Amino acid sequence: MEKQKILNLLGMAQKSGKLVSGDFASEAYLKKTTAPLLFIASDGGNDNKKKYTFLAEKQQIEHVDLFTKEELGAAIGKGQRVIVIVNDYGFAKALRKLLCAME
């Protein structure tokens, strides 16, 4: 139930323009600035997972690998996504609250 709420909230963030997704756009974004939260697909492949985990840890960004590429893409109304960056602190706070409720 909480997983679906998280996915729904990601969809709302996408509609509000508060997400960056996709390999090239995300990599460029993370090299220029930081973000409060990012989602890495659990089935994203070792190279992509390593790359984005490294970038997130380097910038001390909380990262979550709870969803698959298909789930992340479907949640934001796009094709498969290996990475989804939440660049709004309000959405990140709401998502963290739901993530904590899952534990």
Protein backbone atom coordinates (compact mmCIF):
# COMPACT_ATOMS: atom_id res chain seq x y z
CA MET A 1 0.00 0.00 0.00
CA GLU A 2 2.77 2.46 0.93
CA LYS A 3 4.68 1.53 -2.24
CA GLN A 4 1.71 2.59 -4.35
CA LYS A 5 1.41 5.87 -2.42
CA ILE A 6 5.08 6.56 -3.14
CA LEU A 7 4.59 5.85 -6.83
CA ASN A 8 1.50 8.10 -6.90
CA LEU A 9 3.45 10.89 -5.22
CA LEU A 10 6.22 10.52 -7.80
CA GLY A 11 3.58 10.96 -10.50
CA MET A 12 2.35 14.14 -8.83
CA ALA A 13 5.92 15.44 -8.59
CA GLN A 14 6.41 14.74 -12.31
CA LYS A 15 3.28 16.68 -13.19
CA SER A 16 4.54 19.56 -11.03
CA GLY A 17 7.89 19.61 -12.79
CA LYS A 18 9.77 18.60 -9.65
CA LEU A 19 11.56 15.55 -11.07
CA VAL A 20 14.50 14.89 -13.34
CA SER A 21 14.59 11.47 -14.95
CA GLY A 22 16.48 9.56 -17.58
CA ASP A 23 20.14 8.71 -17.80
CA PHE A 24 21.65 11.71 -19.60
CA ALA A 25 19.50 14.41 -17.99
CA SER A 26 20.04 12.97 -14.51
CA GLU A 27 23.80 12.62 -14.88
CA ALA A 28 24.10 16.21 -16.12
CA TYR A 29 21.86 17.45 -13.30
CA LEU A 30 23.85 15.66 -10.59
CA LYS A 31 27.17 16.94 -11.92
CA LYS A 32 25.90 20.54 -11.65
CA THR A 33 23.81 20.51 -8.50
CA THR A 34 22.44 18.39 -5.67
CA ALA A 35 18.98 17.09 -4.82
CA PRO A 36 17.22 15.96 -1.67
CA LEU A 37 16.29 12.44 -2.85
CA LEU A 38 16.74 10.08 -5.75
CA PHE A 39 15.36 6.72 -6.79
CA ILE A 40 17.59 4.19 -8.54
CA ALA A 41 15.91 1.21 -10.21
CA SER A 42 16.61 -2.04 -8.39
CA ASP A 43 17.09 -3.74 -11.77
CA GLY A 44 19.05 -0.89 -13.33
CA GLY A 45 22.14 -2.89 -14.18
CA ASN A 46 25.44 -2.82 -12.34
CA ASP A 47 27.07 0.02 -14.31
CA ASN A 48 24.17 2.46 -13.93
CA LYS A 49 23.55 1.49 -10.33
CA LYS A 50 27.21 1.98 -9.46
CA LYS A 51 27.39 5.30 -11.30
CA TYR A 52 24.34 6.82 -9.61
CA THR A 53 25.07 5.33 -6.21
CA PHE A 54 28.55 6.86 -6.41
CA LEU A 55 27.20 10.27 -7.47
CA ALA A 56 24.56 10.18 -4.72
CA GLU A 57 27.02 9.20 -2.01
CA LYS A 58 29.56 11.77 -3.23
CA GLN A 59 26.97 14.53 -2.82
CA GLN A 60 25.38 12.95 0.27
CA ILE A 61 22.01 12.48 -1.41
CA GLU A 62 19.65 9.92 0.06
CA HIS A 63 18.95 7.22 -2.53
CA VAL A 64 16.35 4.47 -2.66
CA ASP A 65 16.36 1.30 -4.79
CA LEU A 66 12.91 0.01 -3.98
CA PHE A 67 11.34 0.00 -7.46
CA THR A 68 12.08 -1.53 -10.86
CA LYS A 69 12.69 0.43 -14.08
CA GLU A 70 9.16 -0.35 -15.22
CA GLU A 71 7.58 0.80 -11.94
CA LEU A 72 9.50 4.09 -11.92
CA GLY A 73 8.69 4.81 -15.56
CA ALA A 74 5.02 3.96 -15.20
CA ALA A 75 4.72 6.11 -12.08
CA ILE A 76 5.90 9.21 -13.91
CA GLY A 77 4.12 8.48 -17.19
CA LYS A 78 7.25 7.69 -19.20
CA GLY A 79 9.13 4.65 -20.44
CA GLN A 80 11.50 2.67 -18.27
CA ARG A 81 13.64 4.85 -16.01
CA VAL A 82 16.81 3.79 -14.19
CA ILE A 83 16.94 7.00 -12.17
CA VAL A 84 14.40 9.53 -10.94
CA ILE A 85 15.64 12.60 -9.08
CA VAL A 86 13.29 14.47 -6.77
CA ASN A 87 14.54 18.06 -6.83
CA ASP A 88 11.91 19.56 -4.51
CA TYR A 89 12.36 19.43 -0.73
CA GLY A 90 8.60 19.33 -0.03
CA PHE A 91 8.04 16.27 -2.19
CA ALA A 92 11.21 14.68 -0.79
CA LYS A 93 9.96 15.16 2.77
CA ALA A 94 6.58 13.58 1.95
CA LEU A 95 8.29 10.66 0.19
CA ARG A 96 10.67 10.10 3.13
CA LYS A 97 7.68 9.99 5.47
CA LEU A 98 6.10 7.23 3.38
CA LEU A 99 9.41 5.37 3.13
CA CYS A 100 9.79 5.45 6.91
CA ALA A 101 6.25 4.10 7.32
CA MET A 102 7.30 1.05 5.26
CA GLU A 103 10.10 0.11 7.66
